[in-house]
N, C-alpha and C. Protein backbone atom coordinates (compact mmCIF):
# COMPACT_ATOMS: atom_id res chain seq x y z
N UNK A 1 9.18 11.44 -24.11
CA UNK A 1 9.47 10.05 -24.61
C UNK A 1 9.33 9.45 -25.86
N UNK A 2 8.95 10.56 -26.80
CA UNK A 2 9.21 10.41 -28.65
C UNK A 2 11.17 10.42 -28.44
N UNK A 3 11.78 10.75 -28.31
CA UNK A 3 13.25 10.86 -28.18
C UNK A 3 13.29 9.31 -28.01
N UNK A 4 13.09 8.72 -26.78
CA UNK A 4 13.29 7.37 -26.56
C UNK A 4 12.98 6.70 -27.47
N UNK A 5 11.87 6.42 -27.95
CA UNK A 5 11.10 5.71 -28.63
C UNK A 5 11.86 5.03 -30.12
N UNK A 6 12.53 5.78 -30.35
CA UNK A 6 13.31 5.58 -31.75
C UNK A 6 14.33 5.00 -31.62
N UNK A 7 15.55 5.54 -30.84
CA UNK A 7 16.31 4.57 -30.66
C UNK A 7 16.34 2.88 -30.13
N UNK A 8 15.59 3.27 -29.60
CA UNK A 8 14.65 1.92 -28.49
C UNK A 8 14.74 0.67 -29.82
N UNK A 9 13.63 0.82 -30.73
CA UNK A 9 12.81 0.50 -31.60
C UNK A 9 13.92 0.07 -32.68
N UNK A 10 15.13 0.87 -33.13
CA UNK A 10 15.93 0.28 -34.41
C UNK A 10 16.86 -0.42 -33.48
N UNK A 11 17.06 -0.54 -32.44
CA UNK A 11 18.28 -1.25 -31.36
C UNK A 11 17.57 -2.76 -31.45
N UNK A 12 16.19 -2.85 -31.20
CA UNK A 12 15.54 -4.24 -31.04
C UNK A 12 15.38 -4.85 -32.83
N UNK A 13 14.74 -3.64 -33.55
CA UNK A 13 14.73 -4.32 -35.13
C UNK A 13 16.27 -5.24 -35.74
N UNK A 14 17.04 -4.14 -35.39
CA UNK A 14 18.95 -4.49 -35.52
C UNK A 14 19.46 -5.98 -34.78
N UNK A 15 18.93 -5.97 -33.63
CA UNK A 15 19.40 -6.96 -32.61
C UNK A 15 18.62 -8.16 -33.09
N UNK A 16 17.60 -7.95 -33.44
CA UNK A 16 16.54 -9.34 -33.75
C UNK A 16 17.42 -9.80 -34.76
N UNK A 17 18.00 -9.03 -36.31
CA UNK A 17 18.34 -9.57 -37.08
C UNK A 17 19.61 -10.10 -37.18
N UNK A 18 20.40 -9.54 -36.40
CA UNK A 18 21.62 -10.25 -35.64
C UNK A 18 21.92 -11.23 -35.00
N UNK A 19 20.71 -11.57 -34.18
CA UNK A 19 20.38 -12.69 -33.46
C UNK A 19 20.16 -14.11 -34.52
N UNK A 20 19.34 -13.36 -35.44
CA UNK A 20 18.57 -14.62 -36.25
C UNK A 20 20.11 -15.11 -36.85
N UNK A 21 20.75 -14.20 -37.71
CA UNK A 21 21.93 -14.53 -38.48
C UNK A 21 23.21 -14.92 -37.72
N UNK A 22 22.86 -14.98 -36.62
CA UNK A 22 23.94 -15.92 -35.87
C UNK A 22 23.32 -17.01 -35.22
N UNK A 23 22.13 -17.19 -35.14
CA UNK A 23 21.51 -18.56 -35.05
C UNK A 23 21.83 -19.36 -36.44
N UNK A 24 21.29 -18.35 -37.10
CA UNK A 24 21.91 -19.40 -38.49
C UNK A 24 23.21 -19.67 -38.39
N UNK A 25 24.10 -18.88 -38.40
CA UNK A 25 25.36 -19.36 -38.42
C UNK A 25 25.72 -20.18 -37.81
N UNK A 26 25.35 -19.97 -36.44
CA UNK A 26 25.72 -21.37 -35.60
C UNK A 26 25.29 -22.64 -36.12
N UNK A 27 23.83 -23.01 -36.14
CA UNK A 27 23.25 -24.12 -36.74
C UNK A 27 23.57 -24.65 -38.12
N UNK A 28 24.54 -23.43 -38.77
CA UNK A 28 25.43 -24.16 -40.36
C UNK A 28 26.65 -24.92 -39.84
N UNK A 29 26.94 -24.73 -38.50
CA UNK A 29 28.48 -25.38 -38.55
C UNK A 29 28.15 -26.77 -37.88
N UNK A 30 29.08 -27.83 -38.52
CA UNK A 30 29.20 -29.03 -38.34
C UNK A 30 30.13 -29.55 -38.30
N UNK A 31 30.30 -30.15 -36.58
CA UNK A 31 31.39 -30.43 -36.46
C UNK A 31 31.54 -32.50 -36.55
N UNK A 32 31.13 -32.98 -37.07
CA UNK A 32 30.88 -34.12 -37.13
C UNK A 32 32.31 -34.47 -37.94
N UNK A 33 32.67 -33.95 -38.90
CA UNK A 33 33.78 -33.74 -39.44
C UNK A 33 35.43 -33.27 -39.22
N UNK A 34 34.66 -33.01 -37.86
CA UNK A 34 36.43 -32.20 -37.08
C UNK A 34 36.21 -31.06 -36.96
N UNK A 35 37.04 -30.38 -37.06
CA UNK A 35 37.06 -28.73 -36.95
C UNK A 35 37.59 -28.36 -38.20
N UNK A 36 36.87 -27.30 -39.06
CA UNK A 36 37.61 -27.20 -40.40
C UNK A 36 37.81 -25.86 -40.27
N UNK A 37 37.97 -25.68 -41.49
CA UNK A 37 38.57 -24.00 -41.88
C UNK A 37 37.46 -22.86 -41.53
N UNK A 38 36.30 -23.56 -42.44
CA UNK A 38 35.19 -23.15 -42.49
C UNK A 38 33.94 -23.30 -41.23
N UNK A 39 34.35 -24.51 -40.45
CA UNK A 39 33.74 -24.05 -38.84
C UNK A 39 34.72 -22.88 -38.24
N UNK A 40 36.12 -22.50 -38.48
CA UNK A 40 36.59 -21.94 -37.60
C UNK A 40 36.23 -20.86 -38.26
N UNK A 41 36.11 -20.08 -39.64
CA UNK A 41 35.44 -18.88 -39.62
C UNK A 41 33.99 -18.28 -39.47
N UNK A 42 33.09 -19.61 -39.33
CA UNK A 42 31.74 -19.29 -38.98
C UNK A 42 31.82 -19.02 -37.36
N UNK A 43 32.74 -19.33 -36.49
CA UNK A 43 32.57 -19.17 -35.31
C UNK A 43 33.36 -17.84 -34.74
N UNK A 44 34.28 -17.37 -35.76
CA UNK A 44 34.92 -16.28 -35.93
C UNK A 44 33.78 -15.17 -35.88
N UNK A 45 32.78 -15.39 -37.27
CA UNK A 45 31.68 -14.29 -37.63
C UNK A 45 31.21 -14.05 -36.49
N UNK A 46 30.69 -15.68 -35.81
CA UNK A 46 29.27 -15.33 -34.98
C UNK A 46 29.86 -14.52 -33.52
N UNK A 47 31.14 -14.81 -33.46
CA UNK A 47 31.62 -14.09 -32.57
C UNK A 47 31.80 -12.24 -32.82
N UNK A 48 32.16 -12.02 -33.52
CA UNK A 48 31.95 -10.74 -34.12
C UNK A 48 30.49 -10.21 -34.38
N UNK A 49 29.55 -11.12 -34.56
CA UNK A 49 28.39 -10.79 -34.27
C UNK A 49 27.88 -10.77 -33.08
N UNK A 50 28.30 -11.51 -32.46
CA UNK A 50 27.86 -11.39 -30.40
C UNK A 50 28.38 -9.92 -29.61
N UNK A 51 29.50 -10.25 -30.57
CA UNK A 51 30.03 -8.52 -29.96
C UNK A 51 29.31 -7.21 -30.72
N UNK A 52 28.88 -7.69 -31.65
CA UNK A 52 28.41 -6.16 -32.25
C UNK A 52 26.70 -5.91 -31.57
N UNK A 53 26.35 -7.06 -31.37
CA UNK A 53 25.08 -7.08 -30.43
C UNK A 53 25.19 -6.35 -28.96
N UNK A 54 25.93 -7.22 -28.51
CA UNK A 54 26.50 -6.29 -27.16
C UNK A 54 26.72 -4.86 -27.31
N UNK A 55 27.31 -4.61 -28.19
CA UNK A 55 27.50 -3.02 -28.41
C UNK A 55 26.56 -2.37 -29.07
N UNK A 56 25.66 -2.62 -30.08
CA UNK A 56 24.34 -1.66 -30.04
C UNK A 56 24.07 -1.75 -28.63
N UNK A 57 23.97 -2.76 -27.46
CA UNK A 57 22.84 -2.23 -26.63
C UNK A 57 23.56 -1.20 -25.50
N UNK A 58 25.01 -1.42 -25.47
CA UNK A 58 25.63 -0.54 -24.54
C UNK A 58 25.52 0.88 -25.66
N UNK A 59 25.95 1.04 -26.80
CA UNK A 59 25.41 2.27 -27.12
C UNK A 59 23.93 2.88 -26.96
N UNK A 60 22.77 1.98 -26.88
CA UNK A 60 21.36 2.33 -26.85
C UNK A 60 21.76 2.82 -25.02
N UNK A 61 21.86 2.32 -24.33
CA UNK A 61 21.93 3.00 -23.25
C UNK A 61 23.08 3.98 -22.53
N UNK A 62 23.95 4.56 -23.99
CA UNK A 62 24.52 5.85 -23.76
C UNK A 62 23.31 7.00 -24.36
N UNK A 63 22.80 6.47 -25.10
CA UNK A 63 21.98 7.46 -26.35
C UNK A 63 20.77 7.35 -25.32
N UNK A 64 20.29 6.82 -24.54
CA UNK A 64 19.18 7.16 -23.44
C UNK A 64 19.59 7.86 -22.24
N UNK A 65 21.17 7.71 -21.59
CA UNK A 65 21.75 8.90 -20.81
C UNK A 65 21.91 9.90 -21.46
N UNK A 66 22.03 9.89 -22.88
CA UNK A 66 22.52 11.76 -23.20
C UNK A 66 21.24 11.85 -23.24
N UNK A 67 20.13 11.70 -23.89
CA UNK A 67 18.81 11.54 -24.15
C UNK A 67 18.63 12.55 -22.85
N UNK A 68 18.72 11.73 -21.73
CA UNK A 68 17.58 11.86 -20.48
C UNK A 68 18.72 13.30 -19.44
N UNK A 69 19.98 13.50 -19.99
CA UNK A 69 20.29 14.60 -20.07
C UNK A 69 20.29 16.04 -20.18
N UNK A 70 19.67 15.34 -21.14
CA UNK A 70 19.24 16.70 -22.23
C UNK A 70 19.97 17.29 -22.84
N UNK A 71 21.10 17.09 -23.22
CA UNK A 71 22.11 17.62 -23.86
C UNK A 71 21.45 17.93 -25.51
N UNK A 72 22.45 18.82 -25.97
CA UNK A 72 21.33 19.01 -27.41
C UNK A 72 21.82 17.82 -28.21
N UNK A 73 20.65 17.46 -29.00
CA UNK A 73 20.68 16.58 -29.73
C UNK A 73 21.62 16.10 -30.87
N UNK A 74 22.17 15.23 -31.34
CA UNK A 74 23.06 15.54 -32.06
C UNK A 74 22.70 15.57 -33.17
N UNK A 75 21.30 14.57 -33.74
CA UNK A 75 20.74 15.17 -35.17
C UNK A 75 20.76 16.74 -35.42
N UNK A 76 20.25 17.51 -34.39
CA UNK A 76 19.40 18.76 -34.87
C UNK A 76 21.27 19.54 -35.14
N UNK A 77 22.49 19.09 -35.13
CA UNK A 77 23.26 20.11 -35.53
C UNK A 77 23.85 19.99 -37.22
N UNK A 78 22.88 19.06 -37.77
CA UNK A 78 23.05 18.79 -39.15
C UNK A 78 22.02 18.87 -39.64
């Protein structure tokens, strides 16, 4: 159980930061003036953060599967 706690906690903390930053980016877009280059750039950055959010969740499930199978822990190699 201890080996599962750290990956889950760190993923939750980082995902909340990414989600907060993502929401701030999307809130700062202003389409009243039409689509501008800055809006396109903000949407591109937000899309990258959205992909990063789901990638971290996927990696968490991979890590939990690895711990469940009790393979040799990656950190113990170093």
